Amino acid sequence: MVRKSINFSSKKVDPESPCIISMKAYRRIVVYALRYANNDMKPKNWREAYGILIGHIENDDICYIT
């Protein structure tokens, strides 16, 4: 699959505007946070968790995370 590169600096999205997150993306974020940011977990079992949010900008003003 070929994806085109997006120059985000050319978009007019206000950084203060809300970002709409799909329920699937939100649930995935919460599950990883609960799993790996758990105070009851022993330090030897700790893991670093990184996330990448994928979505699109619609009408140059609304950011959707899917």
PDB file of N, CA and C in Angstrom:
ATOM      1  N   MET A   1       0.841  -1.164   0.000  1.00  0.00           N
ATOM      2  CA  MET A   1       0.000   0.000   0.000  1.00  0.00           C
ATOM      3  C   MET A   1       0.896   1.241   0.000  1.00  0.00           C
ATOM      4  N   VAL A   2       0.612   2.173  -0.861  1.00  0.00           N
ATOM      5  CA  VAL A   2       1.374   3.411  -0.949  1.00  0.00           C
ATOM      6  C   VAL A   2       0.570   4.526  -0.296  1.00  0.00           C
ATOM      7  N   ARG A   3       1.203   5.228   0.620  1.00  0.00           N
ATOM      8  CA  ARG A   3       0.538   6.359   1.276  1.00  0.00           C
ATOM      9  C   ARG A   3       1.254   7.631   0.873  1.00  0.00           C
ATOM     10  N   LYS A   4       0.480   8.670   0.605  1.00  0.00           N
ATOM     11  CA  LYS A   4       1.119   9.922   0.248  1.00  0.00           C
ATOM     12  C   LYS A   4       1.522  10.669   1.509  1.00  0.00           C
ATOM     13  N   SER A   5       2.609  11.393   1.401  1.00  0.00           N
ATOM     14  CA  SER A   5       3.104  12.177   2.515  1.00  0.00           C
ATOM     15  C   SER A   5       2.264  13.444   2.662  1.00  0.00           C
ATOM     16  N   ILE A   6       1.997  13.825   3.899  1.00  0.00           N
ATOM     17  CA  ILE A   6       1.196  15.016   4.166  1.00  0.00           C
ATOM     18  C   ILE A   6       2.069  16.054   4.853  1.00  0.00           C
ATOM     19  N   ASN A   7       2.050  17.256   4.339  1.00  0.00           N
ATOM     20  CA  ASN A   7       2.760  18.361   4.963  1.00  0.00           C
ATOM     21  C   ASN A   7       1.792  19.051   5.919  1.00  0.00           C
ATOM     22  N   PHE A   8       1.894  18.721   7.210  1.00  0.00           N
ATOM     23  CA  PHE A   8       0.940  19.251   8.174  1.00  0.00           C
ATOM     24  C   PHE A   8       1.067  20.755   8.361  1.00  0.00           C
ATOM     25  N   SER A   9       2.240  21.311   8.078  1.00  0.00           N
ATOM     26  CA  SER A   9       2.382  22.757   8.232  1.00  0.00           C
ATOM     27  C   SER A   9       1.536  23.514   7.215  1.00  0.00           C
ATOM     28  N   SER A  10       1.150  22.855   6.127  1.00  0.00           N
ATOM     29  CA  SER A  10       0.309  23.513   5.127  1.00  0.00           C
ATOM     30  C   SER A  10      -1.171  23.459   5.506  1.00  0.00           C
ATOM     31  N   LYS A  11      -1.519  22.642   6.487  1.00  0.00           N
ATOM     32  CA  LYS A  11      -2.907  22.558   6.943  1.00  0.00           C
ATOM     33  C   LYS A  11      -3.212  23.725   7.872  1.00  0.00           C
ATOM     34  N   LYS A  12      -4.451  24.121   7.931  1.00  0.00           N
ATOM     35  CA  LYS A  12      -4.843  25.281   8.725  1.00  0.00           C
ATOM     36  C   LYS A  12      -5.534  24.880  10.018  1.00  0.00           C
ATOM     37  N   VAL A  13      -5.213  23.736  10.544  1.00  0.00           N
ATOM     38  CA  VAL A  13      -5.856  23.258  11.766  1.00  0.00           C
ATOM     39  C   VAL A  13      -5.317  24.038  12.956  1.00  0.00           C
ATOM     40  N   ASP A  14      -6.220  24.602  13.723  1.00  0.00           N
ATOM     41  CA  ASP A  14      -5.847  25.335  14.927  1.00  0.00           C
ATOM     42  C   ASP A  14      -5.432  24.325  15.993  1.00  0.00           C
ATOM     43  N   PRO A  15      -4.225  24.451  16.559  1.00  0.00           N
ATOM     44  CA  PRO A  15      -3.781  23.490  17.583  1.00  0.00           C
ATOM     45  C   PRO A  15      -4.687  23.456  18.809  1.00  0.00           C
ATOM     46  N   GLU A  16      -5.470  24.487  19.016  1.00  0.00           N
ATOM     47  CA  GLU A  16      -6.380  24.545  20.159  1.00  0.00           C
ATOM     48  C   GLU A  16      -7.736  23.908  19.858  1.00  0.00           C
ATOM     49  N   SER A  17      -7.975  23.528  18.606  1.00  0.00           N
ATOM     50  CA  SER A  17      -9.266  22.946  18.248  1.00  0.00           C
ATOM     51  C   SER A  17      -9.356  21.510  18.748  1.00  0.00           C
ATOM     52  N   PRO A  18     -10.565  21.036  19.024  1.00  0.00           N
ATOM     53  CA  PRO A  18     -10.717  19.658  19.505  1.00  0.00           C
ATOM     54  C   PRO A  18     -10.359  18.642  18.425  1.00  0.00           C
ATOM     55  N   CYS A  19      -9.995  17.467  18.874  1.00  0.00           N
ATOM     56  CA  CYS A  19      -9.687  16.364  17.969  1.00  0.00           C
ATOM     57  C   CYS A  19     -10.676  15.247  18.276  1.00  0.00           C
ATOM     58  N   ILE A  20     -11.321  14.723  17.266  1.00  0.00           N
ATOM     59  CA  ILE A  20     -12.331  13.683  17.442  1.00  0.00           C
ATOM     60  C   ILE A  20     -11.653  12.318  17.358  1.00  0.00           C
ATOM     61  N   ILE A  21     -11.830  11.503  18.399  1.00  0.00           N
ATOM     62  CA  ILE A  21     -11.199  10.184  18.470  1.00  0.00           C
ATOM     63  C   ILE A  21     -12.286   9.117  18.381  1.00  0.00           C
ATOM     64  N   SER A  22     -12.089   8.138  17.495  1.00  0.00           N
ATOM     65  CA  SER A  22     -13.074   7.060  17.368  1.00  0.00           C
ATOM     66  C   SER A  22     -13.075   6.209  18.637  1.00  0.00           C
ATOM     67  N   MET A  23     -14.176   5.526  18.883  1.00  0.00           N
ATOM     68  CA  MET A  23     -14.293   4.678  20.071  1.00  0.00           C
ATOM     69  C   MET A  23     -13.237   3.578  20.055  1.00  0.00           C
ATOM     70  N   LYS A  24     -12.955   3.013  18.893  1.00  0.00           N
ATOM     71  CA  LYS A  24     -11.955   1.945  18.789  1.00  0.00           C
ATOM     72  C   LYS A  24     -10.575   2.464  19.198  1.00  0.00           C
ATOM     73  N   ALA A  25     -10.194   3.647  18.703  1.00  0.00           N
ATOM     74  CA  ALA A  25      -8.893   4.222  19.056  1.00  0.00           C
ATOM     75  C   ALA A  25      -8.842   4.558  20.546  1.00  0.00           C
ATOM     76  N   TYR A  26      -9.916   5.126  21.073  1.00  0.00           N
ATOM     77  CA  TYR A  26      -9.974   5.485  22.489  1.00  0.00           C
ATOM     78  C   TYR A  26      -9.835   4.248  23.379  1.00  0.00           C
ATOM     79  N   ARG A  27     -10.556   3.190  23.041  1.00  0.00           N
ATOM     80  CA  ARG A  27     -10.481   1.951  23.832  1.00  0.00           C
ATOM     81  C   ARG A  27      -9.072   1.383  23.821  1.00  0.00           C
ATOM     82  N   ARG A  28      -8.419   1.431  22.674  1.00  0.00           N
ATOM     83  CA  ARG A  28      -7.054   0.912  22.573  1.00  0.00           C
ATOM     84  C   ARG A  28      -6.103   1.722  23.451  1.00  0.00           C
ATOM     85  N   ILE A  29      -6.255   3.041  23.454  1.00  0.00           N
ATOM     86  CA  ILE A  29      -5.423   3.902  24.303  1.00  0.00           C
ATOM     87  C   ILE A  29      -5.643   3.561  25.773  1.00  0.00           C
ATOM     88  N   VAL A  30      -6.899   3.413  26.183  1.00  0.00           N
ATOM     89  CA  VAL A  30      -7.227   3.114  27.581  1.00  0.00           C
ATOM     90  C   VAL A  30      -6.698   1.745  27.991  1.00  0.00           C
ATOM     91  N   VAL A  31      -6.847   0.744  27.140  1.00  0.00           N
ATOM     92  CA  VAL A  31      -6.374  -0.609  27.462  1.00  0.00           C
ATOM     93  C   VAL A  31      -4.865  -0.613  27.693  1.00  0.00           C
ATOM     94  N   TYR A  32      -4.103   0.035  26.820  1.00  0.00           N
ATOM     95  CA  TYR A  32      -2.650   0.073  27.004  1.00  0.00           C
ATOM     96  C   TYR A  32      -2.274   0.860  28.251  1.00  0.00           C
ATOM     97  N   ALA A  33      -2.986   1.947  28.518  1.00  0.00           N
ATOM     98  CA  ALA A  33      -2.693   2.732  29.719  1.00  0.00           C
ATOM     99  C   ALA A  33      -2.954   1.910  30.975  1.00  0.00           C
ATOM    100  N   LEU A  34      -4.066   1.197  31.014  1.00  0.00           N
ATOM    101  CA  LEU A  34      -4.374   0.377  32.185  1.00  0.00           C
ATOM    102  C   LEU A  34      -3.400  -0.782  32.343  1.00  0.00           C
ATOM    103  N   ARG A  35      -2.968  -1.332  31.232  1.00  0.00           N
ATOM    104  CA  ARG A  35      -2.068  -2.476  31.286  1.00  0.00           C
ATOM    105  C   ARG A  35      -0.663  -2.070  31.719  1.00  0.00           C
ATOM    106  N   TYR A  36      -0.145  -0.981  31.177  1.00  0.00           N
ATOM    107  CA  TYR A  36       1.262  -0.648  31.392  1.00  0.00           C
ATOM    108  C   TYR A  36       1.500   0.517  32.341  1.00  0.00           C
ATOM    109  N   ALA A  37       0.489   1.255  32.733  1.00  0.00           N
ATOM    110  CA  ALA A  37       0.648   2.344  33.698  1.00  0.00           C
ATOM    111  C   ALA A  37      -0.058   1.948  34.983  1.00  0.00           C
ATOM    112  N   ASN A  38       0.290   0.795  35.481  1.00  0.00           N
ATOM    113  CA  ASN A  38      -0.386   0.197  36.618  1.00  0.00           C
ATOM    114  C   ASN A  38       0.546   0.216  37.828  1.00  0.00           C
ATOM    115  N   ASN A  39       0.153   0.913  38.890  1.00  0.00           N
ATOM    116  CA  ASN A  39       0.982   0.999  40.093  1.00  0.00           C
ATOM    117  C   ASN A  39       1.154  -0.346  40.790  1.00  0.00           C
ATOM    118  N   ASP A  40       0.257  -1.286  40.550  1.00  0.00           N
ATOM    119  CA  ASP A  40       0.355  -2.601  41.184  1.00  0.00           C
ATOM    120  C   ASP A  40       1.354  -3.514  40.482  1.00  0.00           C
ATOM    121  N   MET A  41       1.834  -3.107  39.335  1.00  0.00           N
ATOM    122  CA  MET A  41       2.764  -3.928  38.565  1.00  0.00           C
ATOM    123  C   MET A  41       4.174  -3.818  39.164  1.00  0.00           C
ATOM    124  N   LYS A  42       4.867  -4.924  39.264  1.00  0.00           N
ATOM    125  CA  LYS A  42       6.234  -4.929  39.769  1.00  0.00           C
ATOM    126  C   LYS A  42       7.147  -4.244  38.748  1.00  0.00           C
ATOM    127  N   PRO A  43       8.131  -3.479  39.235  1.00  0.00           N
ATOM    128  CA  PRO A  43       9.023  -2.761  38.314  1.00  0.00           C
ATOM    129  C   PRO A  43       9.697  -3.659  37.276  1.00  0.00           C
ATOM    130  N   LYS A  44       9.974  -4.906  37.607  1.00  0.00           N
ATOM    131  CA  LYS A  44      10.620  -5.786  36.627  1.00  0.00           C
ATOM    132  C   LYS A  44       9.697  -6.112  35.454  1.00  0.00           C
ATOM    133  N   ASN A  45       8.388  -5.913  35.632  1.00  0.00           N
ATOM    134  CA  ASN A  45       7.418  -6.174  34.564  1.00  0.00           C
ATOM    135  C   ASN A  45       7.012  -4.917  33.791  1.00  0.00           C
ATOM    136  N   TRP A  46       7.570  -3.770  34.200  1.00  0.00           N
ATOM    137  CA  TRP A  46       7.227  -2.524  33.516  1.00  0.00           C
ATOM    138  C   TRP A  46       7.657  -2.575  32.060  1.00  0.00           C
ATOM    139  N   ARG A  47       6.900  -1.925  31.208  1.00  0.00           N
ATOM    140  CA  ARG A  47       7.230  -1.809  29.786  1.00  0.00           C
ATOM    141  C   ARG A  47       6.981  -0.375  29.358  1.00  0.00           C
ATOM    142  N   GLU A  48       7.771   0.071  28.409  1.00  0.00           N
ATOM    143  CA  GLU A  48       7.512   1.387  27.830  1.00  0.00           C
ATOM    144  C   GLU A  48       6.469   1.213  26.746  1.00  0.00           C
ATOM    145  N   ALA A  49       5.507   2.083  26.743  1.00  0.00           N
ATOM    146  CA  ALA A  49       4.455   2.012  25.726  1.00  0.00           C
ATOM    147  C   ALA A  49       4.459   3.309  24.925  1.00  0.00           C
ATOM    148  N   TYR A  50       4.594   3.161  23.633  1.00  0.00           N
ATOM    149  CA  TYR A  50       4.557   4.306  22.729  1.00  0.00           C
ATOM    150  C   TYR A  50       3.320   4.171  21.861  1.00  0.00           C
ATOM    151  N   GLY A  51       2.785   5.272  21.469  1.00  0.00           N
ATOM    152  CA  GLY A  51       1.602   5.223  20.621  1.00  0.00           C
ATOM    153  C   GLY A  51       1.732   6.159  19.438  1.00  0.00           C
ATOM    154  N   ILE A  52       1.097   5.783  18.383  1.00  0.00           N
ATOM    155  CA  ILE A  52       1.022   6.619  17.196  1.00  0.00           C
ATOM    156  C   ILE A  52      -0.455   6.785  16.882  1.00  0.00           C
ATOM    157  N   LEU A  53      -0.884   8.017  16.765  1.00  0.00           N
ATOM    158  CA  LEU A  53      -2.273   8.283  16.427  1.00  0.00           C
ATOM    159  C   LEU A  53      -2.377   8.474  14.922  1.00  0.00           C
ATOM    160  N   ILE A  54      -3.302   7.768  14.314  1.00  0.00           N
ATOM    161  CA  ILE A  54      -3.488   7.829  12.867  1.00  0.00           C
ATOM    162  C   ILE A  54      -4.887   8.351  12.584  1.00  0.00           C
ATOM    163  N   GLY A  55      -4.972   9.254  11.659  1.00  0.00           N
ATOM    164  CA  GLY A  55      -6.274   9.813  11.331  1.00  0.00           C
ATOM    165  C   GLY A  55      -6.203  10.674  10.086  1.00  0.00           C
ATOM    166  N   HIS A  56      -7.101  11.639  10.020  1.00  0.00           N
ATOM    167  CA  HIS A  56      -7.110  12.531   8.861  1.00  0.00           C
ATOM    168  C   HIS A  56      -7.648  13.900   9.268  1.00  0.00           C
ATOM    169  N   ILE A  57      -7.364  14.875   8.428  1.00  0.00           N
ATOM    170  CA  ILE A  57      -7.861  16.227   8.635  1.00  0.00           C
ATOM    171  C   ILE A  57      -8.926  16.479   7.590  1.00  0.00           C
ATOM    172  N   GLU A  58     -10.084  16.916   8.050  1.00  0.00           N
ATOM    173  CA  GLU A  58     -11.207  17.132   7.150  1.00  0.00           C
ATOM    174  C   GLU A  58     -11.510  18.624   7.042  1.00  0.00           C
ATOM    175  N   ASN A  59     -11.703  19.081   5.831  1.00  0.00           N
ATOM    176  CA  ASN A  59     -12.035  20.492   5.563  1.00  0.00           C
ATOM    177  C   ASN A  59     -11.012  21.464   6.144  1.00  0.00           C
ATOM    178  N   ASP A  60      -9.775  21.029   6.260  1.00  0.00           N
ATOM    179  CA  ASP A  60      -8.680  21.859   6.784  1.00  0.00           C
ATOM    180  C   ASP A  60      -8.930  22.424   8.178  1.00  0.00           C
ATOM    181  N   ASP A  61      -9.861  21.835   8.943  1.00  0.00           N
ATOM    182  CA  ASP A  61     -10.084  22.399  10.271  1.00  0.00           C
ATOM    183  C   ASP A  61     -10.451  21.395  11.360  1.00  0.00           C
ATOM    184  N   ILE A  62     -10.749  20.154  11.021  1.00  0.00           N
ATOM    185  CA  ILE A  62     -11.113  19.158  12.031  1.00  0.00           C
ATOM    186  C   ILE A  62     -10.189  17.951  11.901  1.00  0.00           C
ATOM    187  N   CYS A  63      -9.608  17.549  13.033  1.00  0.00           N
ATOM    188  CA  CYS A  63      -8.712  16.394  13.067  1.00  0.00           C
ATOM    189  C   CYS A  63      -9.502  15.191  13.593  1.00  0.00           C
ATOM    190  N   TYR A  64      -9.509  14.107  12.829  1.00  0.00           N
ATOM    191  CA  TYR A  64     -10.178  12.867  13.240  1.00  0.00           C
ATOM    192  C   TYR A  64      -9.123  11.789  13.469  1.00  0.00           C
ATOM    193  N   ILE A  65      -9.118  11.176  14.640  1.00  0.00           N
ATOM    194  CA  ILE A  65      -8.215  10.065  14.944  1.00  0.00           C
ATOM    195  C   ILE A  65      -9.027   8.788  14.832  1.00  0.00           C
ATOM    196  N   THR A  66      -8.573   7.859  13.997  1.00  0.00           N
ATOM    197  CA  THR A  66      -9.304   6.622  13.788  1.00  0.00           C
ATOM    198  C   THR A  66      -8.463   5.471  14.261  1.00  0.00           C
TER     199      THR A  66
END
